[in-house]
Amino acid sequence: MENNKYKGVWTAMITPFNEDGSIDWRSFDKLIERQVEAKVTGIIINGTTGESPTITDEECIDLIKRAKEKVGDKCFIMAGTGTNNTKKSVEKTKSAEEAGADIVLLVNPYYNKPTQKGLYLHFKTIAESTSLPVFLYNIKGRTGVNLETTTLYKLATEVKNIVGVKEASGDLNQIKSACELELNDFTVLSGDDNITLEIIKNYEADGIISVASNIVPKDMVEMVSSALKKDFANAEEVNAKLADLFKILFIETNPIPVKYASYKMGLCQNIYRLPMCEIAEENGGQVEAVLKKMDIIK
């Protein structure tokens, strides 16, 4: 898909907070600028990595507006608007469109575990409520339900603005089947940094929605762009350099390690919203060790 405008690196951005729990807008602006400078394809606002369950509807709108104001037309802004309540998701999606989002990301409904028919109707209803392009987000480990490839195909063929999927099922066979769907202008993005090169190389996936690109956006852009150009020698070299980082960023539940790493880099404060909390001391030491080994911090 040579002309796929959604291919490349998308950063699932952290949300920085102040000591009083409010959004740290100064750090937010700097984080955005860093991503734009690295030439990412897009930035995800209000995703899991951004602690979306603790972000209010009003804050979500403010984050989208601020991000769009900062990036202009330099990259896309994708807003996470999916919930396990279809009506609520429609409302959030419409609000995100009004706030200036370019695309919305809809996660599988979590906890209530709908059937495949329920998933189809849920995503169809939300997508038909907006004129924006829609990406689906399949992550069984976080939601308890899997978006089967047959359901994905039905949605992509019957709902015109469903244009892609973030595949984070962890199932290589399912990811392969999603990449092999005979769909025009449909984008398959990896949801796992550590297997991105493998699925671009072997299954012709289109890129990554990345956690690691919060830390090393330029390296991630180089690795993915090299892989998409089939320069696998360079892509594999960069991927090998980043392997320890990919691993350590999930030593605890995302986004705790990546936010801690960002804090050690001076990009944000080490503040979370419950139920996310500070990293365990031992694990924090391991994150620091990897950052030092990679010369990211001194």
Foldseek 3Di string as FASTA:
>chain_A
DVPQLQFFEEEADAFFADPVGHTDVVLLLVLLVVLLVLQTQYYEQLDVLNVNVPADLVNQLVSLLSSCVNCVVSHAYEYEQAELDLVSSLVSLVSSVVSPHQEYEYEQHADVADDLVVSLVSVLSSLVSDPHAYEYEAACVGGVYGNALVSVLVNCVPRPRDAEYADAPVDPVRLLSNLPDPDPNHAYAYAALLCRLVCCQPRVHRYYHDHCCSQVVNLRRVLRVCSNVVVNVVNVVSSVLCVLVSVLCVPDPHPQLSLLLCVQLVSHPNDDDPPDDHDDPVSSVSSVVSCVVSVSHD
